[in-house]
Amino acid sequence: MSRVRRKGITYKIFIITNALLIASTFLIFVIFYYFLPTFYHQYKVNTLNKSLDQLVSETEQMSFLEAKKDLDNFTLQQNVSLVVVNESERIVYLPSIINVVPYSSIVNGDEALKSTINIDKIKQTKEVYSSERQISLQEGTYTLLMIATLQPINEASQVMLQFAPYVLVLILLISIMGAAIYSRLISRPLLKVNRVAERMANLDFTRTSTIDSNDEIGELSRSLNRLSCNLQESMTDLRQANQQLSIEIDKVRELEGKRSAFIATVSHELKTPITAVSGQIEGMIHNIGAYKDRDKYLQRSYVIMKDMEKLVHELLNIFKLESAGFEPQLELVNVSNLVQNSMRRLEYASNAKSMVVETNIVDSLWVRADRNLIEKAITNVIQNAIQYSTSGERVVIRLESVRDHVVFQVLNTGASIPSNQLSEIFEPFHRIEKSRNRNTGGSGLGLYIVKQILDLHHIEYSITNTKKGVLFQMKFQREDS
């Protein structure tokens, strides 16, 4: 047997069970050998005395001939010798005297039966027990003497001692076989449970314990299965949490990258006009060349500063929308009025580019939103459509109710967005025209602000290329006024 198996539970149960069986058998044998004779002696004496008392009671006032039958039956049943002596000390009944007195003491004739037994010589010894009773018959009162031999039990003890080696060999074989079978039966379910526990320790929850008994081992098996299931669920949740954490980390890294790019772009957007204004002002101060015309370059510097002021306001709006804990102030808003207000505000820009603005606005459409933010988003979308359309094109604005939604659409004809830029159109500082010339476009923050506002309101929106041009659409949840 290997060293590992000797440390196993099967080996331990086998040794302990085998030792207990052998020790118990040996102890029982010793108890039988030393205490059985004494116990049997006491039991035999008590039984004989009780039976003798019953015999005396049953034969009371019987005739001697009637009592003789009971006396004969008693000697046969109890395997004892009885002697009945009359008042003259003459033996009147002696059926088994040959078993207790020498043959030479028995002779023919009544005179030979005259007190041939010395009662004192047959008093109880270690191997002989005697008891005396008075028995009353019709013929008179007699003395009843019972003599019983106890030798057979002592002989049985000696036979048991001689038979002991054979019994011990048999018991040893039975103990070894029984202990082996018992140890396997007990340890087998425990070993199965242990194998499942080892798999669990290695984070393998694919195997469950199949022990389903109604004892403690079965309960342990079911508890282990529940533990395995709970651990598997916890591990799954932990993996999902780790994946989610990895995603969040990636998002944070991406956000940091975007924030760095955003800051770099802001720095560039501010640095360029600041450099231009500084150069113009320096030229005007020193009356260098064309900068002697101060009125002209003061006007240009003023325009640049107004653009910078607009950019700063847009940046402040972005910081406000992205700040933690910012919540829009929701209220019932007549979005029809907001669209009309934005169109009136941008009427000059459309007229300056000779653009035709077509409208189809349903009156009194209500939504729940932040009035200022939604008006800002609508204005930026319309302004963006006008700004990026060529002169003479059309801008079509629609506001209608579709089932339980309010749909706002802006279509600027003659325009198109490259398909590879559609997913980037809402990014900050993104412009289709990469030269970033202020004469051909703005700062690139208009649609990014629109995205921030609509995301805060959980409003669906999209921008797509159509056959007629670029279509922007947002969909509100309609509210009753």
Protein backbone atom coordinates (compact mmCIF):
# COMPACT_ATOMS: atom_id res chain seq x y z
CA MET A 1 0.00 0.00 0.00
CA SER A 2 1.44 3.32 -1.07
CA ARG A 3 2.34 6.11 1.29
CA VAL A 4 -0.45 8.31 -0.04
CA ARG A 5 -3.07 5.61 0.48
CA ARG A 6 -1.84 5.00 4.03
CA LYS A 7 -2.66 8.59 4.79
CA GLY A 8 -6.08 8.29 3.14
CA ILE A 9 -9.39 8.00 4.92
CA THR A 10 -10.07 4.51 3.53
CA TYR A 11 -6.91 3.15 5.15
CA LYS A 12 -7.66 4.88 8.45
CA ILE A 13 -11.23 3.60 8.57
CA PHE A 14 -10.00 0.08 7.69
CA ILE A 15 -7.41 0.05 10.51
CA ILE A 16 -9.75 1.54 13.13
CA THR A 17 -12.69 -0.71 12.20
CA ASN A 18 -10.50 -3.82 12.11
CA ALA A 19 -8.94 -2.97 15.47
CA LEU A 20 -12.35 -2.34 17.04
CA LEU A 21 -13.76 -5.63 15.73
CA ILE A 22 -10.80 -7.68 16.97
CA ALA A 23 -10.70 -5.90 20.33
CA SER A 24 -14.45 -6.29 20.79
CA THR A 25 -14.31 -10.00 19.93
CA PHE A 26 -11.40 -10.61 22.29
CA LEU A 27 -13.15 -8.69 25.09
CA ILE A 28 -16.37 -10.65 24.60
CA PHE A 29 -14.43 -13.93 24.67
CA VAL A 30 -12.67 -12.96 27.89
CA ILE A 31 -15.94 -11.88 29.48
CA PHE A 32 -17.56 -15.17 28.50
CA TYR A 33 -14.64 -17.20 29.79
CA TYR A 34 -14.32 -15.53 33.17
CA PHE A 35 -17.84 -14.38 34.00
CA LEU A 36 -20.12 -16.87 32.24
CA PRO A 37 -19.56 -19.72 34.78
CA THR A 38 -20.37 -17.44 37.71
CA PHE A 39 -23.39 -16.00 35.95
CA TYR A 40 -24.57 -19.45 34.91
CA HIS A 41 -24.05 -20.80 38.46
CA GLN A 42 -26.22 -18.06 39.92
CA TYR A 43 -28.80 -18.45 37.19
CA LYS A 44 -28.93 -22.24 37.68
CA VAL A 45 -29.25 -21.98 41.44
CA ASN A 46 -32.06 -19.42 41.20
CA THR A 47 -33.87 -21.52 38.59
CA LEU A 48 -33.55 -24.72 40.63
CA ASN A 49 -34.75 -23.08 43.82
CA LYS A 50 -37.71 -21.52 42.06
CA SER A 51 -38.61 -24.81 40.38
CA LEU A 52 -38.18 -26.70 43.68
CA ASP A 53 -40.51 -24.29 45.47
CA GLN A 54 -43.05 -24.72 42.68
CA LEU A 55 -42.75 -28.55 42.97
CA VAL A 56 -43.38 -28.41 46.72
CA SER A 57 -46.40 -26.17 46.17
CA GLU A 58 -47.89 -28.36 43.42
CA THR A 59 -47.46 -31.69 45.32
CA GLU A 60 -48.91 -30.43 48.58
CA GLN A 61 -51.60 -32.84 50.00
CA MET A 62 -51.05 -35.31 47.15
CA SER A 63 -50.66 -38.99 47.80
CA PHE A 64 -47.15 -40.35 47.63
CA LEU A 65 -47.90 -42.26 44.43
CA GLU A 66 -49.29 -39.13 42.75
CA ALA A 67 -46.37 -37.02 43.91
CA LYS A 68 -43.90 -39.66 42.68
CA LYS A 69 -44.84 -38.86 39.05
CA ASP A 70 -44.11 -35.16 39.58
CA LEU A 71 -40.83 -36.04 41.31
CA ASP A 72 -39.78 -38.22 38.38
CA ASN A 73 -40.65 -35.51 35.87
CA PHE A 74 -38.75 -32.92 37.90
CA THR A 75 -35.56 -35.03 37.97
CA LEU A 76 -35.75 -35.53 34.20
CA GLN A 77 -36.49 -31.90 33.33
CA GLN A 78 -33.99 -30.32 35.70
CA ASN A 79 -31.32 -33.06 35.46
CA VAL A 80 -31.02 -33.35 39.26
CA SER A 81 -31.24 -36.05 41.88
CA LEU A 82 -34.03 -36.04 44.47
CA VAL A 83 -34.12 -37.84 47.82
CA VAL A 84 -37.26 -38.03 49.98
CA VAL A 85 -36.78 -38.96 53.66
CA ASN A 86 -39.61 -39.60 56.12
CA GLU A 87 -39.70 -38.53 59.73
CA SER A 88 -37.91 -41.75 60.74
CA GLU A 89 -35.02 -40.72 58.47
CA ARG A 90 -35.82 -43.57 56.13
CA ILE A 91 -35.39 -42.89 52.44
CA VAL A 92 -38.73 -43.40 50.73
CA TYR A 93 -37.82 -42.01 47.28
CA LEU A 94 -34.45 -42.34 45.54
CA PRO A 95 -34.78 -42.63 41.72
CA SER A 96 -31.35 -41.26 40.90
CA ILE A 97 -29.23 -42.31 43.87
CA ILE A 98 -26.77 -44.13 41.64
CA ASN A 99 -25.65 -40.72 40.36
CA VAL A 100 -24.74 -39.32 43.78
CA VAL A 101 -23.68 -42.19 46.11
CA PRO A 102 -21.28 -45.14 45.72
CA TYR A 103 -22.80 -48.29 44.22
CA SER A 104 -21.68 -50.30 47.28
CA SER A 105 -24.00 -48.27 49.45
CA ILE A 106 -27.07 -49.57 47.60
CA VAL A 107 -28.34 -53.00 48.70
CA ASN A 108 -31.66 -54.80 48.52
CA GLY A 109 -34.33 -54.40 51.11
CA ASP A 110 -35.92 -51.54 52.95
CA GLU A 111 -33.35 -51.73 55.71
CA ALA A 112 -30.61 -50.89 53.16
CA LEU A 113 -32.31 -47.59 52.43
CA LYS A 114 -32.08 -46.51 56.00
CA SER A 115 -30.16 -43.28 56.04
CA THR A 116 -27.37 -44.45 53.74
CA ILE A 117 -26.76 -40.84 52.56
CA ASN A 118 -24.84 -38.48 54.73
CA ILE A 119 -26.41 -35.12 54.03
CA ASP A 120 -23.44 -33.18 55.31
CA LYS A 121 -21.15 -34.84 52.81
CA ILE A 122 -23.19 -33.68 49.84
CA LYS A 123 -23.71 -30.07 50.81
CA GLN A 124 -23.11 -27.66 47.94
CA THR A 125 -19.58 -27.33 46.75
CA LYS A 126 -18.08 -25.64 43.67
CA GLU A 127 -19.36 -28.42 41.45
CA VAL A 128 -22.41 -29.68 43.42
CA TYR A 129 -25.40 -27.74 44.67
CA SER A 130 -27.97 -29.12 47.13
CA SER A 131 -31.13 -27.72 48.64
CA GLU A 132 -33.59 -29.05 51.20
CA ARG A 133 -37.37 -28.51 51.50
CA GLN A 134 -40.24 -29.83 53.62
CA ILE A 135 -42.94 -31.50 51.54
CA SER A 136 -46.42 -32.28 52.91
CA LEU A 137 -48.19 -35.30 51.46
CA GLN A 138 -51.33 -37.19 52.53
CA GLU A 139 -49.17 -39.80 54.27
CA GLY A 140 -47.31 -37.13 56.28
CA THR A 141 -44.47 -34.64 56.16
CA TYR A 142 -41.26 -35.55 54.39
CA THR A 143 -37.87 -33.99 53.80
CA LEU A 144 -37.04 -33.35 50.14
CA LEU A 145 -33.34 -33.11 49.27
CA MET A 146 -32.29 -31.89 45.76
CA ILE A 147 -28.75 -32.53 44.51
CA ALA A 148 -27.53 -30.91 41.21
CA THR A 149 -24.15 -31.09 39.56
CA LEU A 150 -22.69 -27.86 38.00
CA GLN A 151 -19.73 -29.50 36.32
CA PRO A 152 -20.96 -29.06 32.68
CA ILE A 153 -20.56 -25.25 32.65
CA ASN A 154 -16.97 -25.50 33.86
CA GLU A 155 -16.26 -28.05 31.17
CA ALA A 156 -17.83 -25.70 28.61
CA SER A 157 -15.38 -22.97 29.66
CA GLN A 158 -12.47 -25.33 29.14
CA VAL A 159 -13.79 -26.34 25.72
CA MET A 160 -14.19 -22.63 24.84
CA LEU A 161 -10.56 -22.02 25.76
CA GLN A 162 -9.38 -24.88 23.56
CA PHE A 163 -11.58 -23.73 20.68
CA ALA A 164 -10.39 -20.11 21.01
CA PRO A 165 -7.54 -20.24 18.40
CA TYR A 166 -9.92 -21.40 15.68
CA VAL A 167 -12.48 -18.79 16.64
CA LEU A 168 -9.85 -16.04 16.68
CA VAL A 169 -8.62 -16.97 13.21
CA LEU A 170 -12.19 -16.93 11.91
CA ILE A 171 -12.91 -13.62 13.65
CA LEU A 172 -9.70 -12.14 12.25
CA LEU A 173 -10.69 -13.07 8.68
CA ILE A 174 -14.21 -11.77 9.17
CA SER A 175 -12.86 -8.55 10.73
CA ILE A 176 -10.44 -7.90 7.88
CA MET A 177 -13.06 -8.55 5.19
CA GLY A 178 -15.76 -6.64 7.03
CA ALA A 179 -13.45 -3.70 7.77
CA ALA A 180 -12.34 -3.57 4.12
CA ILE A 181 -15.92 -3.55 2.82
CA TYR A 182 -17.10 -1.13 5.49
CA SER A 183 -14.20 1.29 4.95
CA ARG A 184 -14.84 1.36 1.20
CA LEU A 185 -18.58 1.92 1.64
CA ILE A 186 -17.99 4.77 4.08
CA SER A 187 -15.07 6.42 2.31
CA ARG A 188 -16.34 6.14 -1.29
CA PRO A 189 -18.88 9.02 -1.08
CA LEU A 190 -16.37 11.11 0.88
CA LEU A 191 -13.75 10.55 -1.81
CA LYS A 192 -16.25 11.59 -4.50
CA VAL A 193 -17.07 14.75 -2.59
CA ASN A 194 -13.36 15.39 -2.10
CA ARG A 195 -12.70 15.13 -5.85
CA VAL A 196 -15.41 17.71 -6.52
CA ALA A 197 -13.92 19.96 -3.82
CA GLU A 198 -10.47 19.66 -5.45
CA ARG A 199 -11.94 20.77 -8.78
CA MET A 200 -13.61 23.70 -7.03
CA ALA A 201 -10.26 24.63 -5.48
CA ASN A 202 -8.89 24.83 -9.03
CA LEU A 203 -11.89 27.02 -10.04
CA ASP A 204 -13.42 24.21 -12.09
CA PHE A 205 -17.17 24.23 -11.44
CA THR A 206 -18.19 21.96 -14.32
CA ARG A 207 -18.54 18.85 -12.13
CA THR A 208 -21.09 18.42 -9.34
CA SER A 209 -21.35 15.85 -6.57
CA THR A 210 -23.79 13.02 -7.32
CA ILE A 211 -24.19 11.85 -3.70
CA ASP A 212 -27.87 12.30 -2.83
CA SER A 213 -28.34 10.23 0.31
CA ASN A 214 -30.44 11.39 3.27
CA ASP A 215 -27.55 11.38 5.76
CA GLU A 216 -24.95 14.00 6.65
CA ILE A 217 -22.76 13.05 3.67
CA GLY A 218 -25.68 13.65 1.32
CA GLU A 219 -26.32 17.01 2.98
CA LEU A 220 -22.61 17.84 2.62
CA SER A 221 -22.81 16.90 -1.07
CA ARG A 222 -25.83 19.14 -1.66
CA SER A 223 -24.22 21.99 0.27
CA LEU A 224 -21.07 21.60 -1.81
CA ASN A 225 -23.14 21.76 -5.01
CA ARG A 226 -24.86 24.92 -3.79
CA LEU A 227 -21.48 26.39 -2.89
CA SER A 228 -20.15 25.46 -6.33
CA CYS A 229 -23.16 27.11 -8.00
CA ASN A 230 -22.81 30.26 -5.89
CA LEU A 231 -19.07 30.44 -6.51
CA GLN A 232 -19.62 29.97 -10.24
CA GLU A 233 -22.17 32.79 -10.26
CA SER A 234 -19.82 34.96 -8.21
CA MET A 235 -16.93 34.20 -10.53
CA THR A 236 -19.13 34.99 -13.53
CA ASP A 237 -20.21 38.26 -11.93
CA LEU A 238 -16.58 39.02 -11.07
CA ARG A 239 -15.47 38.34 -14.64
CA GLN A 240 -18.26 40.54 -15.95
CA ALA A 241 -17.30 43.21 -13.43
CA ASN A 242 -13.67 42.92 -14.54
CA GLN A 243 -14.72 43.18 -18.18
CA GLN A 244 -16.89 46.16 -17.36
CA LEU A 245 -14.03 47.68 -15.40
CA SER A 246 -11.70 47.12 -18.35
CA ILE A 247 -14.26 48.77 -20.61
CA GLU A 248 -14.57 51.68 -18.19
CA ILE A 249 -10.78 51.97 -18.00
CA ASP A 250 -10.62 51.98 -21.79
CA LYS A 251 -13.34 54.62 -21.86
CA VAL A 252 -11.45 56.72 -19.32
CA ARG A 253 -8.27 56.37 -21.35
CA GLU A 254 -10.18 57.25 -24.51
CA LEU A 255 -11.78 60.18 -22.70
CA GLU A 256 -8.40 61.35 -21.47
CA GLY A 257 -7.09 61.09 -25.00
CA LYS A 258 -10.03 63.05 -26.31
CA ARG A 259 -9.66 65.57 -23.52
CA SER A 260 -5.98 66.01 -24.34
CA ALA A 261 -6.84 66.39 -28.01
CA PHE A 262 -9.65 68.77 -27.06
CA ILE A 263 -7.31 70.92 -25.00
CA ALA A 264 -4.71 70.87 -27.76
CA THR A 265 -7.35 71.90 -30.31
CA VAL A 266 -8.69 74.63 -28.01
CA SER A 267 -5.16 75.89 -27.53
CA HIS A 268 -4.69 75.95 -31.29
CA GLU A 269 -8.06 77.63 -31.87
CA LEU A 270 -7.15 80.35 -29.34
CA LYS A 271 -3.49 80.64 -30.19
CA THR A 272 -4.04 81.36 -33.88
CA PRO A 273 -6.39 84.37 -33.48
CA ILE A 274 -4.42 85.67 -30.51
CA THR A 275 -1.26 85.59 -32.62
CA ALA A 276 -3.07 87.32 -35.48
CA VAL A 277 -4.49 90.07 -33.25
CA SER A 278 -1.15 90.54 -31.47
CA GLY A 279 0.64 90.93 -34.84
CA GLN A 280 -1.89 93.41 -36.14
CA ILE A 281 -1.81 95.47 -32.96
CA GLU A 282 2.00 95.46 -32.90
CA GLY A 283 2.08 96.59 -36.56
CA MET A 284 -0.35 99.38 -35.82
CA ILE A 285 1.64 100.49 -32.78
CA HIS A 286 4.85 100.75 -34.79
CA ASN A 287 3.17 102.03 -38.01
CA ILE A 288 4.66 99.18 -40.03
CA GLY A 289 3.69 99.04 -43.70
CA ALA A 290 0.00 98.35 -44.35
CA TYR A 291 -0.74 98.40 -40.64
CA LYS A 292 -0.58 102.18 -40.76
CA ASP A 293 -4.23 101.90 -41.83
CA ARG A 294 -5.37 101.44 -38.28
CA ASP A 295 -9.11 101.65 -38.99
CA LYS A 296 -8.91 98.68 -41.33
CA TYR A 297 -6.89 96.43 -39.01
CA LEU A 298 -8.75 97.50 -35.88
CA GLN A 299 -11.90 96.30 -37.62
CA ARG A 300 -10.23 92.99 -38.48
CA SER A 301 -8.93 92.61 -34.91
CA TYR A 302 -12.42 93.30 -33.61
CA VAL A 303 -13.89 90.54 -35.83
CA ILE A 304 -11.24 88.09 -34.63
CA MET A 305 -11.94 88.96 -30.98
CA LYS A 306 -15.69 88.44 -31.53
CA ASP A 307 -14.93 84.97 -32.96
CA MET A 308 -12.78 84.25 -29.91
CA GLU A 309 -15.58 85.45 -27.63
CA LYS A 310 -18.00 83.10 -29.41
CA LEU A 311 -15.55 80.22 -29.05
CA VAL A 312 -15.13 80.90 -25.33
CA HIS A 313 -18.91 80.95 -24.85
CA GLU A 314 -19.17 77.63 -26.67
CA LEU A 315 -16.42 76.16 -24.50
CA LEU A 316 -18.20 77.38 -21.37
CA ASN A 317 -21.40 75.74 -22.58
CA ILE A 318 -19.54 72.47 -23.17
CA PHE A 319 -17.94 72.54 -19.72
CA LYS A 320 -21.34 73.22 -18.21
CA LEU A 321 -22.98 70.30 -20.05
CA GLU A 322 -20.15 67.89 -19.18
CA SER A 323 -19.89 68.90 -15.53
CA ALA A 324 -20.76 66.19 -12.97
CA GLY A 325 -24.23 66.43 -11.53
CA PHE A 326 -25.59 68.78 -14.18
CA GLU A 327 -29.28 68.09 -14.84
CA PRO A 328 -31.49 69.84 -17.40
CA GLN A 329 -34.43 71.82 -16.02
CA LEU A 330 -37.33 69.93 -17.59
CA GLU A 331 -40.66 71.63 -18.28
CA LEU A 332 -43.44 71.57 -20.85
CA VAL A 333 -42.17 73.45 -23.92
CA ASN A 334 -43.98 74.49 -27.10
CA VAL A 335 -41.33 73.23 -29.51
CA SER A 336 -43.21 74.78 -32.46
CA ASN A 337 -42.54 78.25 -31.05
CA LEU A 338 -38.86 77.39 -30.41
CA VAL A 339 -38.31 76.37 -34.05
CA GLN A 340 -40.00 79.55 -35.33
CA ASN A 341 -37.90 81.70 -32.99
CA SER A 342 -34.69 80.05 -34.23
CA MET A 343 -35.71 80.61 -37.87
CA ARG A 344 -36.37 84.31 -37.26
CA ARG A 345 -32.98 84.62 -35.52
CA LEU A 346 -31.19 83.10 -38.51
CA GLU A 347 -33.20 84.82 -41.21
CA TYR A 348 -30.41 87.32 -41.91
CA ALA A 349 -27.82 84.52 -42.43
CA SER A 350 -30.04 82.71 -44.95
CA ASN A 351 -30.82 85.89 -46.83
CA ALA A 352 -27.12 86.78 -46.99
CA LYS A 353 -26.47 83.51 -48.86
CA SER A 354 -29.57 83.87 -51.05
CA MET A 355 -30.93 80.61 -49.67
CA VAL A 356 -34.56 79.53 -49.79
CA VAL A 357 -35.88 78.27 -46.44
CA GLU A 358 -38.95 76.03 -46.76
CA THR A 359 -40.92 75.26 -43.62
CA ASN A 360 -43.63 72.84 -42.63
CA ILE A 361 -44.23 73.40 -38.93
CA VAL A 362 -47.24 72.04 -37.08
CA ASP A 363 -48.43 74.45 -34.40
CA SER A 364 -48.67 73.72 -30.67
CA LEU A 365 -46.51 70.62 -30.39
CA TRP A 366 -45.40 70.16 -26.81
CA VAL A 367 -42.44 68.26 -25.37
CA ARG A 368 -40.84 67.99 -21.94
CA ALA A 369 -37.37 69.53 -22.08
CA ASP A 370 -35.05 72.28 -20.90
CA ARG A 371 -36.26 75.29 -22.91
CA ASN A 372 -32.91 77.08 -23.28
CA LEU A 373 -30.90 73.98 -24.10
CA ILE A 374 -33.34 72.63 -26.70
CA GLU A 375 -33.61 76.05 -28.34
CA LYS A 376 -29.79 76.15 -28.48
CA ALA A 377 -29.69 72.68 -30.12
CA ILE A 378 -32.37 73.60 -32.71
CA THR A 379 -30.61 76.88 -33.51
CA ASN A 380 -27.21 75.17 -33.95
CA VAL A 381 -28.70 72.56 -36.32
CA ILE A 382 -30.40 75.19 -38.54
CA GLN A 383 -27.35 77.47 -38.44
CA ASN A 384 -25.09 74.53 -39.36
CA ALA A 385 -27.35 73.69 -42.35
CA ILE A 386 -27.22 77.30 -43.59
CA GLN A 387 -23.49 77.66 -43.00
CA TYR A 388 -22.47 74.51 -44.88
CA SER A 389 -24.78 75.00 -47.87
CA THR A 390 -23.74 76.83 -50.97
CA SER A 391 -25.51 79.97 -52.10
CA GLY A 392 -28.84 79.48 -53.84
CA GLU A 393 -29.55 76.09 -52.21
CA ARG A 394 -32.64 75.27 -50.16
CA VAL A 395 -33.03 74.46 -46.45
CA VAL A 396 -36.19 72.47 -45.65
CA ILE A 397 -37.38 72.53 -42.03
CA ARG A 398 -40.17 70.19 -40.88
CA LEU A 399 -41.79 69.75 -37.48
CA GLU A 400 -44.64 67.25 -37.28
CA SER A 401 -46.35 64.76 -34.99
CA VAL A 402 -45.86 61.07 -35.77
CA ARG A 403 -47.97 58.90 -33.48
CA ASP A 404 -46.72 59.67 -29.93
CA HIS A 405 -43.55 61.47 -31.07
CA VAL A 406 -42.61 64.92 -32.34
CA VAL A 407 -40.16 64.71 -35.26
CA PHE A 408 -37.92 67.66 -36.18
CA GLN A 409 -36.04 67.50 -39.53
CA VAL A 410 -33.61 69.86 -41.27
CA LEU A 411 -32.57 69.12 -44.88
CA ASN A 412 -29.95 71.26 -46.63
CA THR A 413 -29.87 70.51 -50.36
CA GLY A 414 -26.74 70.36 -52.39
CA ALA A 415 -24.64 69.23 -49.42
CA SER A 416 -23.02 65.89 -48.71
CA ILE A 417 -20.88 64.40 -45.97
CA PRO A 418 -18.23 61.78 -46.80
CA SER A 419 -19.41 58.42 -45.47
CA ASN A 420 -16.20 57.90 -43.50
CA GLN A 421 -16.91 61.11 -41.56
CA LEU A 422 -20.54 60.49 -40.63
CA SER A 423 -19.51 58.77 -37.38
CA GLU A 424 -17.20 61.70 -36.52
CA ILE A 425 -19.54 64.56 -37.36
CA PHE A 426 -20.55 65.04 -33.71
CA GLU A 427 -16.98 65.04 -32.38
CA PRO A 428 -15.63 68.35 -30.96
CA PHE A 429 -13.78 70.60 -33.42
CA HIS A 430 -14.61 68.25 -36.28
CA ARG A 431 -14.91 69.97 -39.63
CA ILE A 432 -15.34 68.46 -43.06
CA GLU A 433 -13.11 71.16 -44.49
CA LYS A 434 -9.72 70.46 -42.87
CA SER A 435 -8.09 73.86 -43.50
CA ARG A 436 -10.10 75.27 -40.58
CA ASN A 437 -10.54 78.54 -42.46
CA ARG A 438 -13.08 80.65 -40.65
CA ASN A 439 -14.43 81.85 -43.97
CA THR A 440 -15.57 78.31 -44.84
CA GLY A 441 -16.82 77.15 -41.45
CA GLY A 442 -17.08 77.64 -37.73
CA SER A 443 -15.18 76.25 -34.79
CA GLY A 444 -16.53 72.70 -35.16
CA LEU A 445 -18.28 72.77 -31.77
CA GLY A 446 -21.86 73.39 -32.91
CA LEU A 447 -22.92 69.79 -33.53
CA TYR A 448 -20.89 68.58 -30.51
CA ILE A 449 -22.98 70.89 -28.29
CA VAL A 450 -26.13 69.56 -30.01
CA LYS A 451 -25.02 66.00 -29.20
CA GLN A 452 -24.39 66.86 -25.52
CA ILE A 453 -27.81 68.51 -25.16
CA LEU A 454 -29.73 65.69 -26.85
CA ASP A 455 -27.87 63.02 -24.89
CA LEU A 456 -28.81 64.76 -21.64
CA HIS A 457 -32.48 64.65 -22.73
CA HIS A 458 -32.23 61.04 -24.03
CA ILE A 459 -33.55 62.21 -27.40
CA GLU A 460 -32.99 60.12 -30.53
CA TYR A 461 -31.11 61.90 -33.31
CA SER A 462 -29.29 61.10 -36.56
CA ILE A 463 -27.61 62.68 -39.56
CA THR A 464 -27.63 60.97 -42.96
CA ASN A 465 -26.91 61.59 -46.61
CA THR A 466 -29.95 61.51 -48.90
CA LYS A 467 -30.42 62.03 -52.62
CA LYS A 468 -31.49 65.61 -51.96
CA GLY A 469 -28.80 66.47 -49.44
CA VAL A 470 -27.89 66.07 -45.78
CA LEU A 471 -30.80 65.28 -43.45
CA PHE A 472 -30.66 65.86 -39.70
CA GLN A 473 -33.47 64.41 -37.56
CA MET A 474 -34.34 64.39 -33.88
CA LYS A 475 -37.33 62.66 -32.28
CA PHE A 476 -39.01 63.92 -29.08
CA GLN A 477 -41.53 62.17 -26.86
CA ARG A 478 -44.76 64.11 -27.34
CA GLU A 479 -46.55 65.59 -24.35
CA ASP A 480 -50.07 66.95 -24.00
CA SER A 481 -50.28 70.65 -23.28
